[in-house]
Amino acid sequence: MNPALWNELGAILQLEKNWPEALQAYEQGESNAGLFQGPDRKRVNPLLTRALRGQGYVLIETGDLKKAEKLYKRCLKLDPDDALAQK
């Protein structure tokens, strides 16, 4: 259930260019990120933004640019200073 581990798995699978499984790992990271949010929900959840950026990267690599753009915009809505999402 730990989103950090799912995000790490996604990154490894991404390096292996195993796009379908990388996407699934990042999606698991996203779905579990809320479980590890601190009591101050006003702060940015870096586990969530990492999962969203990972999904966006995979979607770019697989040619689904519109979905990728939506994910990156969601990251920026959560954290306007997210330099990786800005790129």
C-alpha atoms as a PDB file:
ATOM      1  CA  MET A   1       0.000   0.000   0.000  1.00  0.00           C
ATOM      2  CA  ASN A   2       2.972   2.347   0.423  1.00  0.00           C
ATOM      3  CA  PRO A   3       2.854   4.827  -2.488  1.00  0.00           C
ATOM      4  CA  ALA A   4       6.594   5.518  -2.258  1.00  0.00           C
ATOM      5  CA  LEU A   5       7.282   1.869  -3.074  1.00  0.00           C
ATOM      6  CA  TRP A   6       4.790   1.885  -5.946  1.00  0.00           C
ATOM      7  CA  ASN A   7       6.425   5.022  -7.337  1.00  0.00           C
ATOM      8  CA  GLU A   8       9.870   3.413  -7.067  1.00  0.00           C
ATOM      9  CA  LEU A   9       8.614   0.308  -8.844  1.00  0.00           C
ATOM     10  CA  GLY A  10       7.121   2.524 -11.534  1.00  0.00           C
ATOM     11  CA  ALA A  11      10.486   4.234 -11.991  1.00  0.00           C
ATOM     12  CA  ILE A  12      12.284   0.899 -12.341  1.00  0.00           C
ATOM     13  CA  LEU A  13       9.741  -0.372 -14.852  1.00  0.00           C
ATOM     14  CA  GLN A  14      10.014   2.940 -16.685  1.00  0.00           C
ATOM     15  CA  LEU A  15      13.780   2.442 -17.021  1.00  0.00           C
ATOM     16  CA  GLU A  16      13.050  -0.988 -18.467  1.00  0.00           C
ATOM     17  CA  LYS A  17      10.559   0.642 -20.868  1.00  0.00           C
ATOM     18  CA  ASN A  18       7.859  -1.638 -19.535  1.00  0.00           C
ATOM     19  CA  TRP A  19       5.199   1.019 -20.086  1.00  0.00           C
ATOM     20  CA  PRO A  20       2.018  -0.900 -19.163  1.00  0.00           C
ATOM     21  CA  GLU A  21       3.353  -2.134 -15.834  1.00  0.00           C
ATOM     22  CA  ALA A  22       5.020   1.204 -15.058  1.00  0.00           C
ATOM     23  CA  LEU A  23       1.698   2.949 -15.586  1.00  0.00           C
ATOM     24  CA  GLN A  24      -0.049   0.463 -13.296  1.00  0.00           C
ATOM     25  CA  ALA A  25       2.559   0.978 -10.581  1.00  0.00           C
ATOM     26  CA  TYR A  26       2.215   4.754 -10.746  1.00  0.00           C
ATOM     27  CA  GLU A  27      -1.569   4.443 -10.671  1.00  0.00           C
ATOM     28  CA  GLN A  28      -1.278   2.359  -7.491  1.00  0.00           C
ATOM     29  CA  GLY A  29       0.981   5.042  -6.059  1.00  0.00           C
ATOM     30  CA  GLU A  30      -1.645   7.655  -6.866  1.00  0.00           C
ATOM     31  CA  SER A  31      -4.513   5.681  -5.370  1.00  0.00           C
ATOM     32  CA  ASN A  32      -2.628   5.059  -2.118  1.00  0.00           C
ATOM     33  CA  ALA A  33      -1.041   8.503  -1.749  1.00  0.00           C
ATOM     34  CA  GLY A  34      -3.973   9.836   0.244  1.00  0.00           C
ATOM     35  CA  LEU A  35      -3.382   7.226   2.920  1.00  0.00           C
ATOM     36  CA  PHE A  36       0.008   8.773   3.659  1.00  0.00           C
ATOM     37  CA  GLN A  37      -1.079  12.399   3.674  1.00  0.00           C
ATOM     38  CA  GLY A  38      -0.298  14.172   6.905  1.00  0.00           C
ATOM     39  CA  PRO A  39      -3.005  15.791   9.038  1.00  0.00           C
ATOM     40  CA  ASP A  40      -2.329  19.151   7.343  1.00  0.00           C
ATOM     41  CA  ARG A  41      -3.947  18.438   3.991  1.00  0.00           C
ATOM     42  CA  LYS A  42      -3.097  21.938   2.771  1.00  0.00           C
ATOM     43  CA  ARG A  43       0.484  20.860   2.084  1.00  0.00           C
ATOM     44  CA  VAL A  44       1.484  19.311  -1.187  1.00  0.00           C
ATOM     45  CA  ASN A  45       1.568  15.526  -1.115  1.00  0.00           C
ATOM     46  CA  PRO A  46       4.851  14.713  -2.908  1.00  0.00           C
ATOM     47  CA  LEU A  47       3.883  11.054  -3.203  1.00  0.00           C
ATOM     48  CA  LEU A  48       0.816  12.020  -5.199  1.00  0.00           C
ATOM     49  CA  THR A  49       2.586  14.483  -7.482  1.00  0.00           C
ATOM     50  CA  ARG A  50       5.365  11.941  -8.113  1.00  0.00           C
ATOM     51  CA  ALA A  51       2.795   9.325  -9.127  1.00  0.00           C
ATOM     52  CA  LEU A  52       1.056  11.788 -11.450  1.00  0.00           C
ATOM     53  CA  ARG A  53       4.316  12.871 -13.095  1.00  0.00           C
ATOM     54  CA  GLY A  54       5.303   9.245 -13.552  1.00  0.00           C
ATOM     55  CA  GLN A  55       2.022   8.491 -15.269  1.00  0.00           C
ATOM     56  CA  GLY A  56       2.453  11.562 -17.436  1.00  0.00           C
ATOM     57  CA  TYR A  57       5.912  10.460 -18.536  1.00  0.00           C
ATOM     58  CA  VAL A  58       4.671   6.980 -19.451  1.00  0.00           C
ATOM     59  CA  LEU A  59       1.757   8.439 -21.393  1.00  0.00           C
ATOM     60  CA  ILE A  60       4.108  10.693 -23.356  1.00  0.00           C
ATOM     61  CA  GLU A  61       6.280   7.720 -24.202  1.00  0.00           C
ATOM     62  CA  THR A  62       3.246   5.769 -25.391  1.00  0.00           C
ATOM     63  CA  GLY A  63       1.904   8.686 -27.423  1.00  0.00           C
ATOM     64  CA  ASP A  64      -1.108   9.681 -25.328  1.00  0.00           C
ATOM     65  CA  LEU A  65      -0.195  13.349 -25.097  1.00  0.00           C
ATOM     66  CA  LYS A  66      -3.642  14.664 -24.150  1.00  0.00           C
ATOM     67  CA  LYS A  67      -3.910  12.452 -21.067  1.00  0.00           C
ATOM     68  CA  ALA A  68      -0.320  13.271 -20.140  1.00  0.00           C
ATOM     69  CA  GLU A  69      -1.030  16.984 -20.372  1.00  0.00           C
ATOM     70  CA  LYS A  70      -4.030  16.615 -18.048  1.00  0.00           C
ATOM     71  CA  LEU A  71      -1.906  14.836 -15.460  1.00  0.00           C
ATOM     72  CA  TYR A  72       0.834  17.459 -15.585  1.00  0.00           C
ATOM     73  CA  LYS A  73      -1.752  20.227 -15.252  1.00  0.00           C
ATOM     74  CA  ARG A  74      -3.198  18.410 -12.256  1.00  0.00           C
ATOM     75  CA  CYS A  75       0.290  18.370 -10.707  1.00  0.00           C
ATOM     76  CA  LEU A  76       0.625  22.093 -11.269  1.00  0.00           C
ATOM     77  CA  LYS A  77      -2.770  22.708  -9.716  1.00  0.00           C
ATOM     78  CA  LEU A  78      -1.605  20.822  -6.617  1.00  0.00           C
ATOM     79  CA  ASP A  79       1.835  22.449  -6.636  1.00  0.00           C
ATOM     80  CA  PRO A  80       2.350  25.448  -8.948  1.00  0.00           C
ATOM     81  CA  ASP A  81       6.079  25.378  -8.135  1.00  0.00           C
ATOM     82  CA  ASP A  82       6.578  21.787  -9.349  1.00  0.00           C
ATOM     83  CA  ALA A  83       9.541  22.329 -11.693  1.00  0.00           C
ATOM     84  CA  LEU A  84       9.317  18.842 -13.198  1.00  0.00           C
ATOM     85  CA  ALA A  85       5.662  19.240 -14.100  1.00  0.00           C
ATOM     86  CA  GLN A  86       6.367  22.699 -15.540  1.00  0.00           C
ATOM     87  CA  LYS A  87       8.808  21.205 -18.037  1.00  0.00           C
END
